[in-house]
Amino acid sequence: MAIDEEKGSRFIREFAKLTSSPSMAIVDLREFPSPVRMEHLSRAIGGEVVVDVEKLVREISGYTVVDARKVVEAFSGLEYAQLFGATTERALVFTNVESPALAMMIVRVSHLKPRMVVFHRVKPDEEAVKLAEYEQIPIICSEAPSVEQLVQSLRKLYRIALRIKLGRRVKPPPKISA
């Protein structure tokens, strides 16, 4: 290893890529059985709209929760498409975010764009806001206490959408408590 480090760590970096596969970056990915209004998703995850591009009344068809650090480490440009499942009409939820601008840059450089971006427990910086406004993508900040509770809230919203699809009416999901 010392010899490889002296020569630029090429083999160490290649080995790191093998141990950090793209699938490890995806925490949860679901397609809703019927479209869900964005404000219902925001309420379900304890979210606050930070960037509103006057299109918040839109509906989404799914969500992907990703670990932002692992996405940066493991995904190449082509693998980014894996984040979208069956459709881009979804919320892309970033957890473990160190730099909101970097997360938005991932969205910016891709030819596939989510309907909305959610940051877990971090507010976007000025650069992230500018990128979101340029791309016309709303940003919501979730204050869910943990990633597990965030995913739990999204899965509950999925079950509610399923009940609605099956004809069983339900109220919009309540806000989660911090």
N, C-alpha and C. Protein backbone atom coordinates (compact mmCIF):
# COMPACT_ATOMS: atom_id res chain seq x y z
N MET A 1 0.81 -1.19 0.00
CA MET A 1 0.00 0.00 0.00
C MET A 1 0.87 1.26 0.00
N ALA A 2 1.95 1.22 0.70
CA ALA A 2 2.82 2.40 0.76
C ALA A 2 3.36 2.74 -0.62
N ILE A 3 3.69 1.70 -1.41
CA ILE A 3 4.20 1.93 -2.76
C ILE A 3 3.11 2.58 -3.62
N ASP A 4 1.87 2.08 -3.51
CA ASP A 4 0.76 2.64 -4.28
C ASP A 4 0.50 4.09 -3.86
N GLU A 5 0.57 4.38 -2.56
CA GLU A 5 0.37 5.75 -2.09
C GLU A 5 1.43 6.68 -2.67
N GLU A 6 2.66 6.20 -2.77
CA GLU A 6 3.74 7.01 -3.33
C GLU A 6 3.50 7.32 -4.81
N LYS A 7 2.79 6.40 -5.48
CA LYS A 7 2.54 6.56 -6.92
C LYS A 7 1.15 7.14 -7.22
N GLY A 8 0.52 7.75 -6.23
CA GLY A 8 -0.76 8.42 -6.47
C GLY A 8 -2.00 7.65 -6.03
N SER A 9 -1.85 6.50 -5.41
CA SER A 9 -2.97 5.72 -4.85
C SER A 9 -3.98 5.22 -5.89
N ARG A 10 -3.52 4.94 -7.09
CA ARG A 10 -4.44 4.50 -8.15
C ARG A 10 -5.17 3.21 -7.77
N PHE A 11 -4.45 2.22 -7.28
CA PHE A 11 -5.07 0.93 -6.96
C PHE A 11 -5.97 1.03 -5.72
N ILE A 12 -5.59 1.85 -4.77
CA ILE A 12 -6.43 2.04 -3.59
C ILE A 12 -7.75 2.66 -3.99
N ARG A 13 -7.74 3.65 -4.89
CA ARG A 13 -8.99 4.28 -5.36
C ARG A 13 -9.85 3.28 -6.12
N GLU A 14 -9.24 2.44 -6.96
CA GLU A 14 -10.00 1.43 -7.70
C GLU A 14 -10.64 0.43 -6.75
N PHE A 15 -9.91 0.02 -5.72
CA PHE A 15 -10.46 -0.90 -4.74
C PHE A 15 -11.61 -0.25 -3.97
N ALA A 16 -11.49 1.02 -3.66
CA ALA A 16 -12.55 1.74 -2.95
C ALA A 16 -13.83 1.76 -3.77
N LYS A 17 -13.70 1.91 -5.09
CA LYS A 17 -14.89 1.89 -5.95
C LYS A 17 -15.59 0.55 -5.90
N LEU A 18 -14.81 -0.54 -5.80
CA LEU A 18 -15.40 -1.88 -5.73
C LEU A 18 -16.19 -2.07 -4.45
N THR A 19 -15.73 -1.49 -3.36
CA THR A 19 -16.41 -1.67 -2.08
C THR A 19 -17.54 -0.67 -1.86
N SER A 20 -17.72 0.27 -2.75
CA SER A 20 -18.77 1.28 -2.63
C SER A 20 -19.62 1.28 -3.90
N SER A 21 -20.55 0.33 -3.98
CA SER A 21 -21.35 0.20 -5.19
C SER A 21 -22.48 1.23 -5.20
N PRO A 22 -22.98 1.58 -6.39
CA PRO A 22 -24.07 2.55 -6.48
C PRO A 22 -25.30 2.17 -5.67
N SER A 23 -25.61 0.87 -5.59
CA SER A 23 -26.80 0.46 -4.86
C SER A 23 -26.69 0.77 -3.37
N MET A 24 -25.47 0.89 -2.85
CA MET A 24 -25.30 1.23 -1.44
C MET A 24 -25.70 2.67 -1.16
N ALA A 25 -25.72 3.51 -2.17
CA ALA A 25 -26.07 4.91 -1.99
C ALA A 25 -27.58 5.11 -1.91
N ILE A 26 -28.35 4.18 -2.44
CA ILE A 26 -29.81 4.30 -2.43
C ILE A 26 -30.35 3.71 -1.14
N VAL A 27 -30.96 4.56 -0.33
CA VAL A 27 -31.51 4.14 0.96
C VAL A 27 -32.90 3.54 0.77
N ASP A 28 -33.73 4.17 -0.05
CA ASP A 28 -35.08 3.69 -0.32
C ASP A 28 -35.55 4.26 -1.65
N LEU A 29 -36.34 3.49 -2.39
CA LEU A 29 -36.85 3.93 -3.68
C LEU A 29 -38.22 3.30 -3.86
N ARG A 30 -39.24 4.12 -4.09
CA ARG A 30 -40.60 3.62 -4.27
C ARG A 30 -41.31 4.39 -5.35
N GLU A 31 -42.22 3.69 -6.02
CA GLU A 31 -43.15 4.31 -6.95
C GLU A 31 -44.50 4.34 -6.24
N PHE A 32 -45.14 5.49 -6.16
CA PHE A 32 -46.45 5.57 -5.55
C PHE A 32 -47.48 4.89 -6.46
N PRO A 33 -48.47 4.19 -5.88
CA PRO A 33 -49.50 3.55 -6.69
C PRO A 33 -50.40 4.57 -7.40
N SER A 34 -50.51 5.76 -6.84
CA SER A 34 -51.22 6.86 -7.48
C SER A 34 -50.46 8.13 -7.14
N PRO A 35 -50.52 9.16 -8.00
CA PRO A 35 -49.75 10.38 -7.75
C PRO A 35 -50.06 11.01 -6.39
N VAL A 36 -49.03 11.61 -5.80
CA VAL A 36 -49.14 12.26 -4.49
C VAL A 36 -48.81 13.74 -4.66
N ARG A 37 -49.66 14.59 -4.10
CA ARG A 37 -49.40 16.03 -4.17
C ARG A 37 -48.15 16.36 -3.35
N MET A 38 -47.37 17.28 -3.88
CA MET A 38 -46.12 17.64 -3.21
C MET A 38 -46.33 18.18 -1.80
N GLU A 39 -47.40 18.94 -1.60
CA GLU A 39 -47.62 19.48 -0.25
C GLU A 39 -47.93 18.37 0.75
N HIS A 40 -48.53 17.26 0.29
CA HIS A 40 -48.77 16.13 1.19
C HIS A 40 -47.45 15.46 1.57
N LEU A 41 -46.55 15.34 0.60
CA LEU A 41 -45.24 14.79 0.89
C LEU A 41 -44.50 15.69 1.88
N SER A 42 -44.56 17.00 1.64
CA SER A 42 -43.88 17.95 2.52
C SER A 42 -44.41 17.84 3.95
N ARG A 43 -45.71 17.76 4.09
CA ARG A 43 -46.32 17.65 5.42
C ARG A 43 -45.92 16.33 6.08
N ALA A 44 -45.89 15.25 5.31
CA ALA A 44 -45.58 13.92 5.86
C ALA A 44 -44.17 13.84 6.44
N ILE A 45 -43.23 14.54 5.82
CA ILE A 45 -41.83 14.44 6.26
C ILE A 45 -41.40 15.59 7.15
N GLY A 46 -42.36 16.39 7.58
CA GLY A 46 -42.01 17.54 8.41
C GLY A 46 -41.18 18.53 7.63
N GLY A 47 -41.58 18.77 6.41
CA GLY A 47 -40.80 19.61 5.50
C GLY A 47 -41.21 21.06 5.48
N GLU A 48 -40.27 21.88 5.11
CA GLU A 48 -40.50 23.32 4.92
C GLU A 48 -40.03 23.66 3.50
N VAL A 49 -40.88 24.32 2.75
CA VAL A 49 -40.52 24.71 1.39
C VAL A 49 -39.51 25.85 1.48
N VAL A 50 -38.35 25.65 0.90
CA VAL A 50 -37.28 26.64 0.95
C VAL A 50 -37.16 27.35 -0.40
N VAL A 51 -37.29 26.60 -1.47
CA VAL A 51 -37.29 27.17 -2.81
C VAL A 51 -38.64 26.79 -3.42
N ASP A 52 -39.45 27.80 -3.69
CA ASP A 52 -40.77 27.58 -4.27
C ASP A 52 -40.76 28.21 -5.65
N VAL A 53 -40.90 27.38 -6.65
CA VAL A 53 -40.89 27.89 -8.02
C VAL A 53 -42.31 27.97 -8.58
N GLU A 54 -43.26 28.21 -7.67
CA GLU A 54 -44.67 28.39 -8.00
C GLU A 54 -45.25 27.18 -8.72
N LYS A 55 -44.69 26.04 -8.48
CA LYS A 55 -45.21 24.82 -9.10
C LYS A 55 -45.41 23.75 -8.03
N LEU A 56 -45.61 24.17 -6.81
CA LEU A 56 -45.70 23.21 -5.72
C LEU A 56 -47.01 22.42 -5.73
N VAL A 57 -47.96 22.80 -6.56
CA VAL A 57 -49.22 22.06 -6.63
C VAL A 57 -49.09 20.80 -7.48
N ARG A 58 -47.94 20.59 -8.05
CA ARG A 58 -47.72 19.41 -8.88
C ARG A 58 -47.78 18.13 -8.05
N GLU A 59 -47.88 17.06 -8.75
CA GLU A 59 -47.89 15.75 -8.12
C GLU A 59 -46.61 15.02 -8.48
N ILE A 60 -46.25 14.08 -7.62
CA ILE A 60 -45.09 13.24 -7.89
C ILE A 60 -45.54 11.78 -7.91
N SER A 61 -44.77 10.96 -8.57
CA SER A 61 -45.13 9.55 -8.74
C SER A 61 -44.23 8.61 -7.96
N GLY A 62 -43.26 9.16 -7.23
CA GLY A 62 -42.38 8.31 -6.46
C GLY A 62 -41.33 9.12 -5.73
N TYR A 63 -40.45 8.42 -5.05
CA TYR A 63 -39.36 9.09 -4.34
C TYR A 63 -38.14 8.18 -4.32
N THR A 64 -36.99 8.81 -4.19
CA THR A 64 -35.72 8.10 -4.01
C THR A 64 -34.99 8.79 -2.88
N VAL A 65 -34.62 8.02 -1.86
CA VAL A 65 -33.82 8.55 -0.75
C VAL A 65 -32.39 8.05 -0.96
N VAL A 66 -31.45 9.00 -1.01
CA VAL A 66 -30.06 8.64 -1.26
C VAL A 66 -29.14 9.26 -0.21
N ASP A 67 -28.05 8.58 0.05
CA ASP A 67 -26.98 9.12 0.89
C ASP A 67 -26.10 9.96 -0.03
N ALA A 68 -26.09 11.26 0.16
CA ALA A 68 -25.40 12.17 -0.75
C ALA A 68 -23.91 11.86 -0.86
N ARG A 69 -23.27 11.53 0.25
CA ARG A 69 -21.83 11.22 0.21
C ARG A 69 -21.56 10.00 -0.67
N LYS A 70 -22.38 8.98 -0.48
CA LYS A 70 -22.16 7.75 -1.26
C LYS A 70 -22.48 7.95 -2.74
N VAL A 71 -23.44 8.81 -3.05
CA VAL A 71 -23.73 9.10 -4.45
C VAL A 71 -22.51 9.71 -5.11
N VAL A 72 -21.90 10.67 -4.44
CA VAL A 72 -20.72 11.34 -4.99
C VAL A 72 -19.57 10.34 -5.15
N GLU A 73 -19.42 9.44 -4.19
CA GLU A 73 -18.31 8.47 -4.23
C GLU A 73 -18.53 7.37 -5.25
N ALA A 74 -19.77 6.89 -5.38
CA ALA A 74 -20.00 5.64 -6.11
C ALA A 74 -20.59 5.79 -7.50
N PHE A 75 -21.29 6.88 -7.80
CA PHE A 75 -22.01 6.98 -9.06
C PHE A 75 -21.18 7.64 -10.15
N SER A 76 -21.26 7.05 -11.33
CA SER A 76 -20.73 7.71 -12.52
C SER A 76 -21.91 8.42 -13.17
N GLY A 77 -21.68 9.15 -14.23
CA GLY A 77 -22.75 9.88 -14.90
C GLY A 77 -23.89 8.99 -15.35
N LEU A 78 -23.57 7.82 -15.92
CA LEU A 78 -24.60 6.93 -16.43
C LEU A 78 -25.38 6.25 -15.31
N GLU A 79 -24.73 5.99 -14.20
CA GLU A 79 -25.39 5.32 -13.08
C GLU A 79 -26.39 6.22 -12.37
N TYR A 80 -26.28 7.53 -12.58
CA TYR A 80 -27.20 8.48 -11.97
C TYR A 80 -28.65 8.17 -12.34
N ALA A 81 -28.87 7.62 -13.50
CA ALA A 81 -30.23 7.28 -13.95
C ALA A 81 -30.89 6.26 -13.03
N GLN A 82 -30.11 5.46 -12.31
CA GLN A 82 -30.66 4.48 -11.37
C GLN A 82 -31.47 5.14 -10.26
N LEU A 83 -31.19 6.40 -9.98
CA LEU A 83 -31.89 7.10 -8.90
C LEU A 83 -33.35 7.32 -9.20
N PHE A 84 -33.73 7.20 -10.46
CA PHE A 84 -35.08 7.59 -10.85
C PHE A 84 -36.07 6.46 -10.97
N GLY A 85 -35.66 5.23 -10.82
CA GLY A 85 -36.63 4.14 -10.91
C GLY A 85 -37.36 4.21 -12.24
N ALA A 86 -38.70 4.14 -12.18
CA ALA A 86 -39.51 4.11 -13.40
C ALA A 86 -39.78 5.49 -13.99
N THR A 87 -39.62 6.55 -13.20
CA THR A 87 -39.98 7.88 -13.68
C THR A 87 -39.15 8.97 -13.01
N THR A 88 -39.01 10.11 -13.69
CA THR A 88 -38.34 11.26 -13.09
C THR A 88 -39.33 12.13 -12.34
N GLU A 89 -40.60 11.78 -12.39
CA GLU A 89 -41.65 12.55 -11.69
C GLU A 89 -41.62 12.17 -10.22
N ARG A 90 -40.53 12.47 -9.56
CA ARG A 90 -40.35 12.00 -8.18
C ARG A 90 -39.59 13.03 -7.35
N ALA A 91 -39.58 12.76 -6.06
CA ALA A 91 -38.78 13.55 -5.13
C ALA A 91 -37.44 12.85 -4.97
N LEU A 92 -36.37 13.61 -5.11
CA LEU A 92 -35.03 13.09 -4.86
C LEU A 92 -34.62 13.61 -3.49
N VAL A 93 -34.52 12.70 -2.52
CA VAL A 93 -34.29 13.04 -1.12
C VAL A 93 -32.82 12.77 -0.79
N PHE A 94 -32.09 13.82 -0.45
CA PHE A 94 -30.68 13.70 -0.09
C PHE A 94 -30.53 13.66 1.43
N THR A 95 -29.86 12.63 1.93
CA THR A 95 -29.50 12.55 3.34
C THR A 95 -27.98 12.68 3.42
N ASN A 96 -27.48 12.89 4.63
CA ASN A 96 -26.03 12.94 4.84
C ASN A 96 -25.38 13.98 3.93
N VAL A 97 -25.98 15.14 3.87
CA VAL A 97 -25.53 16.21 2.97
C VAL A 97 -24.50 17.09 3.66
N GLU A 98 -23.33 17.18 3.06
CA GLU A 98 -22.31 18.11 3.56
C GLU A 98 -22.40 19.44 2.83
N SER A 99 -22.67 19.36 1.53
CA SER A 99 -22.73 20.55 0.70
C SER A 99 -24.00 20.52 -0.16
N PRO A 100 -25.02 21.30 0.22
CA PRO A 100 -26.23 21.33 -0.60
C PRO A 100 -25.95 21.75 -2.05
N ALA A 101 -24.98 22.64 -2.24
CA ALA A 101 -24.64 23.07 -3.60
C ALA A 101 -24.12 21.90 -4.43
N LEU A 102 -23.33 21.02 -3.82
CA LEU A 102 -22.82 19.85 -4.54
C LEU A 102 -23.96 18.92 -4.93
N ALA A 103 -24.91 18.71 -4.01
CA ALA A 103 -26.07 17.87 -4.32
C ALA A 103 -26.86 18.46 -5.48
N MET A 104 -27.07 19.77 -5.47
CA MET A 104 -27.79 20.41 -6.57
C MET A 104 -26.97 20.40 -7.87
N MET A 105 -25.66 20.41 -7.75
CA MET A 105 -24.82 20.33 -8.94
C MET A 105 -24.97 18.95 -9.60
N ILE A 106 -25.15 17.91 -8.80
CA ILE A 106 -25.40 16.57 -9.35
C ILE A 106 -26.68 16.61 -10.19
N VAL A 107 -27.71 17.27 -9.66
CA VAL A 107 -28.97 17.41 -10.39
C VAL A 107 -28.76 18.26 -11.64
N ARG A 108 -28.02 19.33 -11.51
CA ARG A 108 -27.82 20.28 -12.60
C ARG A 108 -27.13 19.65 -13.81
N VAL A 109 -26.10 18.85 -13.58
CA VAL A 109 -25.33 18.31 -14.70
C VAL A 109 -25.97 17.09 -15.34
N SER A 110 -26.98 16.53 -14.72
CA SER A 110 -27.65 15.37 -15.28
C SER A 110 -28.71 15.79 -16.29
N HIS A 111 -28.92 14.97 -17.30
CA HIS A 111 -30.00 15.24 -18.24
C HIS A 111 -31.35 14.81 -17.67
N LEU A 112 -31.36 14.01 -16.62
CA LEU A 112 -32.59 13.62 -15.92
C LEU A 112 -32.78 14.53 -14.72
N LYS A 113 -33.98 15.07 -14.54
CA LYS A 113 -34.25 16.00 -13.44
C LYS A 113 -35.43 15.50 -12.61
N PRO A 114 -35.29 15.54 -11.28
CA PRO A 114 -36.43 15.18 -10.42
C PRO A 114 -37.46 16.32 -10.40
N ARG A 115 -38.67 16.02 -9.98
CA ARG A 115 -39.71 17.05 -9.83
C ARG A 115 -39.40 17.97 -8.67
N MET A 116 -38.76 17.40 -7.63
CA MET A 116 -38.40 18.19 -6.45
C MET A 116 -37.21 17.55 -5.77
N VAL A 117 -36.53 18.37 -4.95
CA VAL A 117 -35.39 17.89 -4.17
C VAL A 117 -35.71 18.14 -2.70
N VAL A 118 -35.35 17.17 -1.87
CA VAL A 118 -35.53 17.29 -0.42
C VAL A 118 -34.17 17.12 0.22
N PHE A 119 -33.84 18.04 1.13
CA PHE A 119 -32.63 17.91 1.94
C PHE A 119 -33.05 17.52 3.34
N HIS A 120 -32.40 16.51 3.89
CA HIS A 120 -32.70 16.07 5.25
C HIS A 120 -31.80 16.78 6.24
N ARG A 121 -32.43 17.57 7.10
CA ARG A 121 -31.80 18.25 8.24
C ARG A 121 -30.68 19.22 7.84
N VAL A 122 -30.78 19.81 6.66
CA VAL A 122 -29.82 20.84 6.27
C VAL A 122 -30.52 21.82 5.34
N LYS A 123 -30.24 23.09 5.53
CA LYS A 123 -30.80 24.14 4.67
C LYS A 123 -29.88 24.34 3.48
N PRO A 124 -30.44 24.62 2.30
CA PRO A 124 -29.58 24.84 1.15
C PRO A 124 -28.84 26.17 1.26
N ASP A 125 -27.62 26.18 0.76
CA ASP A 125 -26.86 27.43 0.73
C ASP A 125 -27.31 28.25 -0.48
N GLU A 126 -26.74 29.44 -0.60
CA GLU A 126 -27.16 30.37 -1.66
C GLU A 126 -26.95 29.77 -3.05
N GLU A 127 -25.85 29.06 -3.25
CA GLU A 127 -25.57 28.45 -4.55
C GLU A 127 -26.60 27.37 -4.89
N ALA A 128 -26.97 26.56 -3.91
CA ALA A 128 -27.98 25.52 -4.14
C ALA A 128 -29.33 26.13 -4.50
N VAL A 129 -29.68 27.22 -3.85
CA VAL A 129 -30.93 27.92 -4.15
C VAL A 129 -30.91 28.45 -5.58
N LYS A 130 -29.80 29.05 -5.98
CA LYS A 130 -29.69 29.57 -7.34
C LYS A 130 -29.83 28.46 -8.38
N LEU A 131 -29.17 27.33 -8.12
CA LEU A 131 -29.27 26.20 -9.05
C LEU A 131 -30.70 25.68 -9.13
N ALA A 132 -31.37 25.59 -7.99
CA ALA A 132 -32.76 25.11 -7.97
C ALA A 132 -33.68 26.05 -8.73
N GLU A 133 -33.50 27.33 -8.52
CA GLU A 133 -34.33 28.31 -9.24
C GLU A 133 -34.06 28.24 -10.74
N TYR A 134 -32.81 28.10 -11.12
CA TYR A 134 -32.45 28.01 -12.54
C TYR A 134 -33.09 26.77 -13.18
N GLU A 135 -33.06 25.65 -12.46
CA GLU A 135 -33.61 24.40 -12.97
C GLU A 135 -35.12 24.28 -12.76
N GLN A 136 -35.72 25.27 -12.06
CA GLN A 136 -37.16 25.25 -11.76
C GLN A 136 -37.54 24.01 -10.95
N ILE A 137 -36.73 23.72 -9.92
CA ILE A 137 -36.96 22.56 -9.06
C ILE A 137 -37.17 23.05 -7.63
N PRO A 138 -38.35 22.78 -7.05
CA PRO A 138 -38.57 23.17 -5.65
C PRO A 138 -37.64 22.40 -4.71
N ILE A 139 -37.26 23.05 -3.61
CA ILE A 139 -36.47 22.39 -2.56
C ILE A 139 -37.28 22.43 -1.28
N ILE A 140 -37.33 21.29 -0.63
CA ILE A 140 -37.97 21.17 0.67
C ILE A 140 -36.92 20.67 1.66
N CYS A 141 -36.90 21.24 2.84
CA CYS A 141 -36.01 20.78 3.91
C CYS A 141 -36.83 20.00 4.91
N SER A 142 -36.44 18.77 5.15
CA SER A 142 -37.13 17.93 6.13
C SER A 142 -36.41 18.00 7.46
N GLU A 143 -37.18 18.16 8.50
CA GLU A 143 -36.61 18.16 9.84
C GLU A 143 -36.91 16.86 10.58
N ALA A 144 -37.14 15.78 9.83
CA ALA A 144 -37.34 14.47 10.45
C ALA A 144 -36.13 14.18 11.34
N PRO A 145 -36.36 13.68 12.55
CA PRO A 145 -35.26 13.49 13.49
C PRO A 145 -34.15 12.55 13.02
N SER A 146 -34.48 11.56 12.19
CA SER A 146 -33.46 10.62 11.71
C SER A 146 -33.81 10.17 10.30
N VAL A 147 -32.84 9.57 9.64
CA VAL A 147 -33.08 9.04 8.30
C VAL A 147 -34.12 7.93 8.37
N GLU A 148 -34.07 7.12 9.43
CA GLU A 148 -35.03 6.04 9.58
C GLU A 148 -36.45 6.58 9.69
N GLN A 149 -36.64 7.65 10.45
CA GLN A 149 -37.97 8.24 10.59
C GLN A 149 -38.41 8.90 9.29
N LEU A 150 -37.49 9.48 8.56
CA LEU A 150 -37.80 10.07 7.26
C LEU A 150 -38.33 8.99 6.32
N VAL A 151 -37.60 7.88 6.23
CA VAL A 151 -38.01 6.77 5.36
C VAL A 151 -39.34 6.18 5.84
N GLN A 152 -39.51 6.06 7.14
CA GLN A 152 -40.76 5.55 7.70
C GLN A 152 -41.94 6.44 7.30
N SER A 153 -41.76 7.75 7.35
CA SER A 153 -42.81 8.69 6.96
C SER A 153 -43.14 8.57 5.47
N LEU A 154 -42.13 8.40 4.64
CA LEU A 154 -42.36 8.24 3.21
C LEU A 154 -43.08 6.92 2.92
N ARG A 155 -42.72 5.87 3.62
CA ARG A 155 -43.40 4.58 3.43
C ARG A 155 -44.85 4.65 3.89
N LYS A 156 -45.09 5.41 4.95
CA LYS A 156 -46.47 5.60 5.40
C LYS A 156 -47.28 6.35 4.33
N LEU A 157 -46.67 7.35 3.73
CA LEU A 157 -47.32 8.07 2.64
C LEU A 157 -47.60 7.13 1.47
N TYR A 158 -46.71 6.22 1.20
CA TYR A 158 -46.91 5.20 0.16
C TYR A 158 -48.13 4.34 0.48
N ARG A 159 -48.23 3.91 1.74
CA ARG A 159 -49.38 3.08 2.14
C ARG A 159 -50.69 3.86 2.02
N ILE A 160 -50.65 5.15 2.35
CA ILE A 160 -51.85 5.99 2.21
C ILE A 160 -52.25 6.09 0.73
N ALA A 161 -51.25 6.30 -0.13
CA ALA A 161 -51.54 6.37 -1.58
C ALA A 161 -52.11 5.05 -2.08
N LEU A 162 -51.64 3.95 -1.53
CA LEU A 162 -52.15 2.64 -1.91
C LEU A 162 -53.61 2.48 -1.48
N ARG A 163 -53.91 2.91 -0.26
CA ARG A 163 -55.31 2.84 0.21
C ARG A 163 -56.22 3.69 -0.65
N ILE A 164 -55.76 4.86 -1.04
CA ILE A 164 -56.57 5.72 -1.90
C ILE A 164 -56.78 5.04 -3.25
N LYS A 165 -55.74 4.44 -3.78
CA LYS A 165 -55.84 3.74 -5.07
C LYS A 165 -56.86 2.60 -4.98
N LEU A 166 -56.91 1.96 -3.83
CA LEU A 166 -57.85 0.85 -3.64
C LEU A 166 -59.26 1.32 -3.27
N GLY A 167 -59.43 2.66 -3.18
CA GLY A 167 -60.76 3.19 -2.92
C GLY A 167 -61.08 3.45 -1.46
N ARG A 168 -60.11 3.38 -0.60
CA ARG A 168 -60.33 3.66 0.83
C ARG A 168 -59.83 5.06 1.12
N ARG A 169 -60.73 5.99 1.31
CA ARG A 169 -60.37 7.40 1.55
C ARG A 169 -59.69 7.56 2.90
N VAL A 170 -58.66 8.43 2.92
CA VAL A 170 -57.95 8.75 4.16
C VAL A 170 -57.62 10.23 4.17
N LYS A 171 -57.36 10.76 5.36
CA LYS A 171 -56.93 12.16 5.51
C LYS A 171 -55.48 12.28 5.07
N PRO A 172 -55.04 13.50 4.68
CA PRO A 172 -53.62 13.69 4.39
C PRO A 172 -52.79 13.34 5.62
N PRO A 173 -51.57 12.89 5.42
CA PRO A 173 -50.75 12.47 6.57
C PRO A 173 -50.47 13.62 7.52
N PRO A 174 -50.42 13.33 8.83
CA PRO A 174 -50.10 14.39 9.79
C PRO A 174 -48.62 14.74 9.76
N LYS A 175 -48.30 15.91 10.31
CA LYS A 175 -46.89 16.30 10.46
C LYS A 175 -46.23 15.38 11.46
N ILE A 176 -44.97 15.06 11.23
CA ILE A 176 -44.24 14.27 12.21
C ILE A 176 -43.70 15.21 13.27
N SER A 177 -43.56 14.71 14.48
CA SER A 177 -43.05 15.57 15.55
C SER A 177 -41.57 15.35 15.73
N ALA A 178 -40.89 16.41 16.02
CA ALA A 178 -39.42 16.34 16.17
C ALA A 178 -39.06 15.94 17.56
